[in-house]
Amino acid sequence: MMRLRQFVFVAEDLKSAVVDVGATLGLAVCYNDPNVGNFGLHNALLPIGGDLIEIVAPIREGTTAGRYLERRQGGGGYMIILQCDDAVAHRERIAALAVRDIWRHDDDDCHATHFHPADVPGAILSIDDMGPDGDPRVELSRWQWAGPNWQEFVQTQSTKALTAVEIQADNPDAVAARWSEVLDLPLENINGMPAVKLDNAHIRFAADTDGRGLGIGAIDILPNDRDNILQMADKFGLRQPNGQLMICGVRVNLV
C-alpha cells in the first residue's frame, strides 16, 4: 500500500497562498502545526477529500524552503508525503539504494522519513506510517500532521480529490526511473509520460517547459463543481489562457 496522503506547496506569503488555494478549490484550513517552526516555517493544512494540502512559508532567513523559493523564482510544489503500512521497512530498503535521509520521526504511533532531494530528484519525498491505528486504506484515517480533528473540516462541494503530481526535469526518463526504484513501483506510461501509480493517485514525469528547472510543475485535481472552481479562479486571476489554473506557482489541471 502506497497512498498519496499530503501534498505541500511552498509560498513566499502564507496568508495569500491560503486564500488562493482555499477559496479557489473550496477547501478549509484544519490546522496550523507549530512544530514546523523547527524548520523555520509556518504552515496551514487543508483537507482535500481524505488527504491533505499543506502550504508552508519561511519565517526566518536561511531555510531550505527559502532557498527553494530563490532557486525556482517563486512559489511551487515542495514535498510529496506518502502513507504506507510500514515506513521503517521502506526506510531501510531505500537506505540500501544510497539514498540519504534528512529527517526522521519515530514514535509508537507514527514513523516518518524525509529523503534527500539530491538523491530523489524533483521534490522532498516523505514516506510515513501512522502506526496500528492509522490504516492507509481508510479514507479518513488518522493523520498526525493534520491535527486531532481535521476530518471535521473536510469540504467536498467543489473538489473531490488530488489525483496526480507532475515532476518536471530536463531528463524526465532518468528521474522517473529513480523514483520507480525508490518507491519499488513499476514504471508505467500515462498519456505518453513515464509515471508511477500509487493506490489513489500517480506521479508522472515531464520535460521542463517553463524554464523553472527541476521540480513539481503541476498537479491534477478531480472537481466536484468545475464551474465554481473556474469562477473563483477567474475572480482571483488564476486561470491561464489554456484553461489551466496557476496556484502558488503550480499548474493545476481539472481532470
C-alpha atoms as a PDB file:
ATOM      1  CA  MET A   1       0.000   0.000   0.000  1.00  0.00           C
ATOM      2  CA  MET A   2       1.389   3.386  -1.023  1.00  0.00           C
ATOM      3  CA  ARG A   3      -1.016   6.311  -0.782  1.00  0.00           C
ATOM      4  CA  LEU A   4      -0.515   9.955  -1.701  1.00  0.00           C
ATOM      5  CA  ARG A   5      -1.601  11.495   1.610  1.00  0.00           C
ATOM      6  CA  GLN A   6      -0.216  15.033   1.646  1.00  0.00           C
ATOM      7  CA  PHE A   7       0.989  17.485  -0.975  1.00  0.00           C
ATOM      8  CA  VAL A   8       2.987  20.527   0.089  1.00  0.00           C
ATOM      9  CA  PHE A   9       3.192  23.927  -1.574  1.00  0.00           C
ATOM     10  CA  VAL A  10       5.904  26.408  -0.592  1.00  0.00           C
ATOM     11  CA  ALA A  11       4.954  30.080  -0.769  1.00  0.00           C
ATOM     12  CA  GLU A  12       6.542  33.415  -0.052  1.00  0.00           C
ATOM     13  CA  ASP A  13       3.411  34.631   1.758  1.00  0.00           C
ATOM     14  CA  LEU A  14       1.346  32.085   3.653  1.00  0.00           C
ATOM     15  CA  LYS A  15      -1.829  34.128   4.010  1.00  0.00           C
ATOM     16  CA  SER A  16      -2.256  34.952   0.320  1.00  0.00           C
ATOM     17  CA  ALA A  17      -1.443  31.376  -0.719  1.00  0.00           C
ATOM     18  CA  VAL A  18      -4.044  30.001   1.702  1.00  0.00           C
ATOM     19  CA  VAL A  19      -6.646  32.341   0.199  1.00  0.00           C
ATOM     20  CA  ASP A  20      -5.768  31.281  -3.357  1.00  0.00           C
ATOM     21  CA  VAL A  21      -5.824  27.548  -2.596  1.00  0.00           C
ATOM     22  CA  GLY A  22      -8.743  27.543  -0.171  1.00  0.00           C
ATOM     23  CA  ALA A  23     -11.078  29.897  -1.992  1.00  0.00           C
ATOM     24  CA  THR A  24     -10.432  28.502  -5.471  1.00  0.00           C
ATOM     25  CA  LEU A  25     -10.713  24.821  -4.580  1.00  0.00           C
ATOM     26  CA  GLY A  26     -13.302  25.246  -1.828  1.00  0.00           C
ATOM     27  CA  LEU A  27     -11.074  23.916   0.964  1.00  0.00           C
ATOM     28  CA  ALA A  28     -10.927  24.897   4.641  1.00  0.00           C
ATOM     29  CA  VAL A  29      -7.913  25.218   6.937  1.00  0.00           C
ATOM     30  CA  CYS A  30      -7.984  22.482   9.583  1.00  0.00           C
ATOM     31  CA  TYR A  31      -4.700  23.039  11.411  1.00  0.00           C
ATOM     32  CA  ASN A  32      -1.596  25.150  11.795  1.00  0.00           C
ATOM     33  CA  ASP A  33       1.221  22.915  13.021  1.00  0.00           C
ATOM     34  CA  PRO A  34       3.530  24.709  15.493  1.00  0.00           C
ATOM     35  CA  ASN A  35       6.198  22.026  15.040  1.00  0.00           C
ATOM     36  CA  VAL A  36       7.151  23.296  11.573  1.00  0.00           C
ATOM     37  CA  GLY A  37       8.681  26.264  13.366  1.00  0.00           C
ATOM     38  CA  ASN A  38      11.649  23.954  13.981  1.00  0.00           C
ATOM     39  CA  PHE A  39      12.305  24.203  10.219  1.00  0.00           C
ATOM     40  CA  GLY A  40      11.910  27.996  10.193  1.00  0.00           C
ATOM     41  CA  LEU A  41       8.424  27.773   8.685  1.00  0.00           C
ATOM     42  CA  HIS A  42       4.774  28.408   9.413  1.00  0.00           C
ATOM     43  CA  ASN A  43       2.035  26.461   7.704  1.00  0.00           C
ATOM     44  CA  ALA A  44      -1.606  25.706   7.072  1.00  0.00           C
ATOM     45  CA  LEU A  45      -3.234  22.363   6.279  1.00  0.00           C
ATOM     46  CA  LEU A  46      -6.395  21.970   4.218  1.00  0.00           C
ATOM     47  CA  PRO A  47      -8.164  18.621   3.752  1.00  0.00           C
ATOM     48  CA  ILE A  48      -8.856  17.574   0.163  1.00  0.00           C
ATOM     49  CA  GLY A  49     -11.126  14.563   0.451  1.00  0.00           C
ATOM     50  CA  GLY A  50      -9.346  12.202   2.810  1.00  0.00           C
ATOM     51  CA  ASP A  51      -5.937  13.662   2.022  1.00  0.00           C
ATOM     52  CA  LEU A  52      -4.246  16.983   2.773  1.00  0.00           C
ATOM     53  CA  ILE A  53      -2.808  20.009   1.062  1.00  0.00           C
ATOM     54  CA  GLU A  54      -0.210  21.825   3.141  1.00  0.00           C
ATOM     55  CA  ILE A  55       1.197  25.273   2.471  1.00  0.00           C
ATOM     56  CA  VAL A  56       4.476  26.308   4.107  1.00  0.00           C
ATOM     57  CA  ALA A  57       6.292  29.636   4.069  1.00  0.00           C
ATOM     58  CA  PRO A  58       9.585  30.726   5.662  1.00  0.00           C
ATOM     59  CA  ILE A  59       9.568  32.864   8.789  1.00  0.00           C
ATOM     60  CA  ARG A  60      13.331  33.344   9.005  1.00  0.00           C
ATOM     61  CA  GLU A  61      16.368  33.602   6.757  1.00  0.00           C
ATOM     62  CA  GLY A  62      18.445  30.621   5.688  1.00  0.00           C
ATOM     63  CA  THR A  63      15.771  27.935   5.441  1.00  0.00           C
ATOM     64  CA  THR A  64      15.707  25.115   2.905  1.00  0.00           C
ATOM     65  CA  ALA A  65      12.292  26.352   1.791  1.00  0.00           C
ATOM     66  CA  GLY A  66      13.643  29.870   1.320  1.00  0.00           C
ATOM     67  CA  ARG A  67      16.479  28.624  -0.847  1.00  0.00           C
ATOM     68  CA  TYR A  68      13.974  26.659  -2.892  1.00  0.00           C
ATOM     69  CA  LEU A  69      11.910  29.807  -3.465  1.00  0.00           C
ATOM     70  CA  GLU A  70      15.025  31.589  -4.678  1.00  0.00           C
ATOM     71  CA  ARG A  71      16.141  28.756  -6.957  1.00  0.00           C
ATOM     72  CA  ARG A  72      12.758  28.345  -8.622  1.00  0.00           C
ATOM     73  CA  GLN A  73      11.978  32.071  -8.595  1.00  0.00           C
ATOM     74  CA  GLY A  74       8.807  31.893  -6.551  1.00  0.00           C
ATOM     75  CA  GLY A  75       6.296  29.531  -5.028  1.00  0.00           C
ATOM     76  CA  GLY A  76       5.805  25.958  -6.141  1.00  0.00           C
ATOM     77  CA  GLY A  77       5.372  22.343  -5.165  1.00  0.00           C
ATOM     78  CA  TYR A  78       7.724  21.330  -2.384  1.00  0.00           C
ATOM     79  CA  MET A  79       7.001  17.930  -0.846  1.00  0.00           C
ATOM     80  CA  ILE A  80       5.187  14.690  -1.606  1.00  0.00           C
ATOM     81  CA  ILE A  81       4.184  12.750   1.502  1.00  0.00           C
ATOM     82  CA  LEU A  82       3.130   9.136   1.068  1.00  0.00           C
ATOM     83  CA  GLN A  83       1.464   6.863   3.601  1.00  0.00           C
ATOM     84  CA  CYS A  84       2.237   3.156   3.816  1.00  0.00           C
ATOM     85  CA  ASP A  85       1.836   0.291   6.288  1.00  0.00           C
ATOM     86  CA  ASP A  86       5.470   0.154   7.447  1.00  0.00           C
ATOM     87  CA  ALA A  87       7.594   3.245   6.916  1.00  0.00           C
ATOM     88  CA  VAL A  88      10.600   1.829   8.782  1.00  0.00           C
ATOM     89  CA  ALA A  89      10.827  -1.112   6.376  1.00  0.00           C
ATOM     90  CA  HIS A  90      10.761   1.309   3.434  1.00  0.00           C
ATOM     91  CA  ARG A  91      13.409   3.474   5.123  1.00  0.00           C
ATOM     92  CA  GLU A  92      15.747   0.506   5.472  1.00  0.00           C
ATOM     93  CA  ARG A  93      15.128  -0.641   1.908  1.00  0.00           C
ATOM     94  CA  ILE A  94      15.691   2.848   0.482  1.00  0.00           C
ATOM     95  CA  ALA A  95      18.867   3.387   2.510  1.00  0.00           C
ATOM     96  CA  ALA A  96      20.341   0.392   0.686  1.00  0.00           C
ATOM     97  CA  LEU A  97      19.888   2.354  -2.569  1.00  0.00           C
ATOM     98  CA  ALA A  98      22.332   5.034  -1.333  1.00  0.00           C
ATOM     99  CA  VAL A  99      19.513   7.465  -0.615  1.00  0.00           C
ATOM    100  CA  ARG A 100      20.178   9.730   2.334  1.00  0.00           C
ATOM    101  CA  ASP A 101      17.502  10.868   4.734  1.00  0.00           C
ATOM    102  CA  ILE A 102      17.333  14.411   6.076  1.00  0.00           C
ATOM    103  CA  TRP A 103      14.771  13.970   8.876  1.00  0.00           C
ATOM    104  CA  ARG A 104      13.305  11.098  10.867  1.00  0.00           C
ATOM    105  CA  HIS A 105      10.434  10.802  13.293  1.00  0.00           C
ATOM    106  CA  ASP A 106       9.819   7.625  15.268  1.00  0.00           C
ATOM    107  CA  ASP A 107       7.042   7.098  17.815  1.00  0.00           C
ATOM    108  CA  ASP A 108       4.938   4.054  18.558  1.00  0.00           C
ATOM    109  CA  ASP A 109       2.066   5.597  16.589  1.00  0.00           C
ATOM    110  CA  CYS A 110       3.982   7.312  13.791  1.00  0.00           C
ATOM    111  CA  HIS A 111       7.131   6.829  11.699  1.00  0.00           C
ATOM    112  CA  ALA A 112       8.300   9.227   9.007  1.00  0.00           C
ATOM    113  CA  THR A 113      11.373   9.812   6.857  1.00  0.00           C
ATOM    114  CA  HIS A 114      12.202  12.761   4.623  1.00  0.00           C
ATOM    115  CA  PHE A 115      14.606  11.740   1.866  1.00  0.00           C
ATOM    116  CA  HIS A 116      17.290  13.952   0.369  1.00  0.00           C
ATOM    117  CA  PRO A 117      16.081  15.640  -2.833  1.00  0.00           C
ATOM    118  CA  ALA A 118      19.554  15.314  -4.332  1.00  0.00           C
ATOM    119  CA  ASP A 119      19.051  11.537  -4.203  1.00  0.00           C
ATOM    120  CA  VAL A 120      15.363  11.503  -5.203  1.00  0.00           C
ATOM    121  CA  PRO A 121      15.212  14.483  -7.586  1.00  0.00           C
ATOM    122  CA  GLY A 122      12.328  16.871  -8.024  1.00  0.00           C
ATOM    123  CA  ALA A 123      10.748  17.104  -4.572  1.00  0.00           C
ATOM    124  CA  ILE A 124      11.278  16.223  -0.949  1.00  0.00           C
ATOM    125  CA  LEU A 125       9.804  12.744  -0.615  1.00  0.00           C
ATOM    126  CA  SER A 126       8.497  11.580   2.742  1.00  0.00           C
ATOM    127  CA  ILE A 127       7.238   8.071   3.452  1.00  0.00           C
ATOM    128  CA  ASP A 128       5.182   7.816   6.651  1.00  0.00           C
ATOM    129  CA  ASP A 129       3.023   5.420   8.594  1.00  0.00           C
ATOM    130  CA  MET A 130       0.572   6.176  11.379  1.00  0.00           C
ATOM    131  CA  GLY A 131       1.106   3.023  13.401  1.00  0.00           C
ATOM    132  CA  PRO A 132      -1.563   0.409  14.082  1.00  0.00           C
ATOM    133  CA  ASP A 133      -4.378   2.986  14.340  1.00  0.00           C
ATOM    134  CA  GLY A 134      -3.674   4.671  11.005  1.00  0.00           C
ATOM    135  CA  ASP A 135      -4.838   2.420   8.178  1.00  0.00           C
ATOM    136  CA  PRO A 136      -3.945   3.940   4.775  1.00  0.00           C
ATOM    137  CA  ARG A 137      -6.847   2.024   3.219  1.00  0.00           C
ATOM    138  CA  VAL A 138      -9.377   4.056   5.226  1.00  0.00           C
ATOM    139  CA  GLU A 139     -10.045   7.392   3.539  1.00  0.00           C
ATOM    140  CA  LEU A 140     -10.434   9.491   6.701  1.00  0.00           C
ATOM    141  CA  SER A 141      -7.960   7.560   8.825  1.00  0.00           C
ATOM    142  CA  ARG A 142      -5.757   9.203  11.421  1.00  0.00           C
ATOM    143  CA  TRP A 143      -3.101  11.581  10.068  1.00  0.00           C
ATOM    144  CA  GLN A 144      -1.000  13.093  12.824  1.00  0.00           C
ATOM    145  CA  TRP A 145       0.314  16.059  10.834  1.00  0.00           C
ATOM    146  CA  ALA A 146      -3.215  17.434  10.284  1.00  0.00           C
ATOM    147  CA  GLY A 147      -4.210  17.846  13.921  1.00  0.00           C
ATOM    148  CA  PRO A 148      -6.658  15.958  16.126  1.00  0.00           C
ATOM    149  CA  ASN A 149      -9.962  16.739  14.369  1.00  0.00           C
ATOM    150  CA  TRP A 150      -9.078  17.507  10.764  1.00  0.00           C
ATOM    151  CA  GLN A 151     -11.890  15.287   9.466  1.00  0.00           C
ATOM    152  CA  GLU A 152     -14.428  17.861  10.685  1.00  0.00           C
ATOM    153  CA  PHE A 153     -13.040  20.382   8.161  1.00  0.00           C
ATOM    154  CA  VAL A 154     -13.392  18.251   5.021  1.00  0.00           C
ATOM    155  CA  GLN A 155     -15.200  20.186   2.273  1.00  0.00           C
ATOM    156  CA  THR A 156     -16.163  18.362  -0.917  1.00  0.00           C
ATOM    157  CA  GLN A 157     -18.652  20.729  -2.549  1.00  0.00           C
ATOM    158  CA  SER A 158     -16.085  21.962  -5.101  1.00  0.00           C
ATOM    159  CA  THR A 159     -13.220  19.460  -5.037  1.00  0.00           C
ATOM    160  CA  LYS A 160     -13.202  15.685  -4.676  1.00  0.00           C
ATOM    161  CA  ALA A 161      -9.546  14.663  -4.686  1.00  0.00           C
ATOM    162  CA  LEU A 162      -5.939  15.246  -5.619  1.00  0.00           C
ATOM    163  CA  THR A 163      -5.161  12.606  -8.240  1.00  0.00           C
ATOM    164  CA  ALA A 164      -1.673  13.300  -9.633  1.00  0.00           C
ATOM    165  CA  VAL A 165       1.578  15.187  -9.158  1.00  0.00           C
ATOM    166  CA  GLU A 166       3.796  16.057 -12.123  1.00  0.00           C
ATOM    167  CA  ILE A 167       7.547  16.467 -11.694  1.00  0.00           C
ATOM    168  CA  GLN A 168       9.363  18.280 -14.491  1.00  0.00           C
ATOM    169  CA  ALA A 169      13.009  17.744 -15.368  1.00  0.00           C
ATOM    170  CA  ASP A 170      15.489  18.083 -18.208  1.00  0.00           C
ATOM    171  CA  ASN A 171      15.817  14.275 -18.098  1.00  0.00           C
ATOM    172  CA  PRO A 172      12.344  13.040 -17.091  1.00  0.00           C
ATOM    173  CA  ASP A 173      13.040   9.412 -18.010  1.00  0.00           C
ATOM    174  CA  ALA A 174      16.050   9.234 -15.687  1.00  0.00           C
ATOM    175  CA  VAL A 175      14.190  10.960 -12.849  1.00  0.00           C
ATOM    176  CA  ALA A 176      11.229   8.641 -13.355  1.00  0.00           C
ATOM    177  CA  ALA A 177      13.488   5.596 -13.188  1.00  0.00           C
ATOM    178  CA  ARG A 178      14.934   6.803  -9.899  1.00  0.00           C
ATOM    179  CA  TRP A 179      11.513   7.353  -8.327  1.00  0.00           C
ATOM    180  CA  SER A 180      10.390   3.948  -9.560  1.00  0.00           C
ATOM    181  CA  GLU A 181      13.412   2.358  -7.908  1.00  0.00           C
ATOM    182  CA  VAL A 182      12.997   4.251  -4.645  1.00  0.00           C
ATOM    183  CA  LEU A 183       9.262   3.575  -4.364  1.00  0.00           C
ATOM    184  CA  ASP A 184       9.678  -0.015  -5.572  1.00  0.00           C
ATOM    185  CA  LEU A 185       6.867   0.535  -8.067  1.00  0.00           C
ATOM    186  CA  PRO A 186       6.923  -0.240 -11.790  1.00  0.00           C
ATOM    187  CA  LEU A 187       7.225   2.483 -14.374  1.00  0.00           C
ATOM    188  CA  GLU A 188       4.101   2.905 -16.481  1.00  0.00           C
ATOM    189  CA  ASN A 189       3.084   5.153 -19.344  1.00  0.00           C
ATOM    190  CA  ILE A 190       0.295   7.642 -18.661  1.00  0.00           C
ATOM    191  CA  ASN A 191      -0.646   9.937 -21.542  1.00  0.00           C
ATOM    192  CA  GLY A 192       2.768   9.472 -23.098  1.00  0.00           C
ATOM    193  CA  MET A 193       4.716  10.238 -19.920  1.00  0.00           C
ATOM    194  CA  PRO A 194       6.550   7.867 -17.576  1.00  0.00           C
ATOM    195  CA  ALA A 195       4.714   7.514 -14.276  1.00  0.00           C
ATOM    196  CA  VAL A 196       4.441   5.503 -11.092  1.00  0.00           C
ATOM    197  CA  LYS A 197       0.962   4.575  -9.902  1.00  0.00           C
ATOM    198  CA  LEU A 198       0.086   4.885  -6.237  1.00  0.00           C
ATOM    199  CA  ASP A 199      -3.054   3.382  -4.753  1.00  0.00           C
ATOM    200  CA  ASN A 200      -5.025   6.623  -5.028  1.00  0.00           C
ATOM    201  CA  ALA A 201      -3.038   8.759  -7.487  1.00  0.00           C
ATOM    202  CA  HIS A 202       0.040   8.799  -9.697  1.00  0.00           C
ATOM    203  CA  ILE A 203       3.312  10.699 -10.006  1.00  0.00           C
ATOM    204  CA  ARG A 204       4.320  11.452 -13.579  1.00  0.00           C
ATOM    205  CA  PHE A 205       7.456  12.943 -15.095  1.00  0.00           C
ATOM    206  CA  ALA A 206       7.539  15.570 -17.829  1.00  0.00           C
ATOM    207  CA  ALA A 207      10.019  17.759 -19.658  1.00  0.00           C
ATOM    208  CA  ASP A 208      10.726  21.208 -18.256  1.00  0.00           C
ATOM    209  CA  THR A 209       8.680  23.510 -20.480  1.00  0.00           C
ATOM    210  CA  ASP A 210       8.539  26.661 -18.336  1.00  0.00           C
ATOM    211  CA  GLY A 211      12.246  27.182 -17.717  1.00  0.00           C
ATOM    212  CA  ARG A 212      11.906  26.958 -13.934  1.00  0.00           C
ATOM    213  CA  GLY A 213      14.024  23.852 -13.727  1.00  0.00           C
ATOM    214  CA  LEU A 214      13.699  20.609 -11.814  1.00  0.00           C
ATOM    215  CA  GLY A 215      10.678  20.481  -9.535  1.00  0.00           C
ATOM    216  CA  ILE A 216       6.958  19.942  -9.248  1.00  0.00           C
ATOM    217  CA  GLY A 217       5.304  21.609 -12.213  1.00  0.00           C
ATOM    218  CA  ALA A 218       1.664  20.540 -11.997  1.00  0.00           C
ATOM    219  CA  ILE A 219      -0.998  18.686 -10.056  1.00  0.00           C
ATOM    220  CA  ASP A 220      -4.303  17.134 -11.127  1.00  0.00           C
ATOM    221  CA  ILE A 221      -7.490  17.887  -9.203  1.00  0.00           C
ATOM    222  CA  LEU A 222     -10.749  15.954  -9.574  1.00  0.00           C
ATOM    223  CA  PRO A 223     -13.505  18.579  -9.313  1.00  0.00           C
ATOM    224  CA  ASN A 224     -16.970  18.193  -7.884  1.00  0.00           C
ATOM    225  CA  ASP A 225     -18.093  21.620  -9.126  1.00  0.00           C
ATOM    226  CA  ARG A 226     -15.871  22.594 -12.042  1.00  0.00           C
ATOM    227  CA  ASP A 227     -17.833  25.767 -12.808  1.00  0.00           C
ATOM    228  CA  ASN A 228     -17.464  27.095  -9.282  1.00  0.00           C
ATOM    229  CA  ILE A 229     -13.721  26.404  -9.264  1.00  0.00           C
ATOM    230  CA  LEU A 230     -13.293  28.229 -12.565  1.00  0.00           C
ATOM    231  CA  GLN A 231     -15.392  31.156 -11.397  1.00  0.00           C
ATOM    232  CA  MET A 232     -13.279  31.535  -8.278  1.00  0.00           C
ATOM    233  CA  ALA A 233     -10.085  31.175 -10.314  1.00  0.00           C
ATOM    234  CA  ASP A 234     -11.266  33.990 -12.573  1.00  0.00           C
ATOM    235  CA  LYS A 235     -12.074  36.121  -9.538  1.00  0.00           C
ATOM    236  CA  PHE A 236      -8.533  35.735  -8.228  1.00  0.00           C
ATOM    237  CA  GLY A 237      -6.874  35.978 -11.647  1.00  0.00           C
ATOM    238  CA  LEU A 238      -5.572  32.411 -11.520  1.00  0.00           C
ATOM    239  CA  ARG A 239      -6.933  30.980 -14.790  1.00  0.00           C
ATOM    240  CA  GLN A 240      -4.433  30.692 -17.628  1.00  0.00           C
ATOM    241  CA  PRO A 241      -5.256  31.157 -21.345  1.00  0.00           C
ATOM    242  CA  ASN A 242      -5.002  27.378 -21.888  1.00  0.00           C
ATOM    243  CA  GLY A 243      -7.595  26.672 -19.193  1.00  0.00           C
ATOM    244  CA  GLN A 244      -5.150  25.543 -16.531  1.00  0.00           C
ATOM    245  CA  LEU A 245      -5.072  27.275 -13.170  1.00  0.00           C
ATOM    246  CA  MET A 246      -1.851  28.661 -11.729  1.00  0.00           C
ATOM    247  CA  ILE A 247      -1.921  28.412  -7.949  1.00  0.00           C
ATOM    248  CA  CYS A 248       1.129  29.092  -5.824  1.00  0.00           C
ATOM    249  CA  GLY A 249       3.450  28.559  -8.774  1.00  0.00           C
ATOM    250  CA  VAL A 250       1.939  25.188  -9.721  1.00  0.00           C
ATOM    251  CA  ARG A 251      -0.182  24.453 -12.792  1.00  0.00           C
ATOM    252  CA  VAL A 252      -3.476  22.890 -11.720  1.00  0.00           C
ATOM    253  CA  ASN A 253      -5.344  20.625 -14.138  1.00  0.00           C
ATOM    254  CA  LEU A 254      -9.035  19.906 -13.549  1.00  0.00           C
ATOM    255  CA  VAL A 255      -9.474  16.311 -14.709  1.00  0.00           C
END
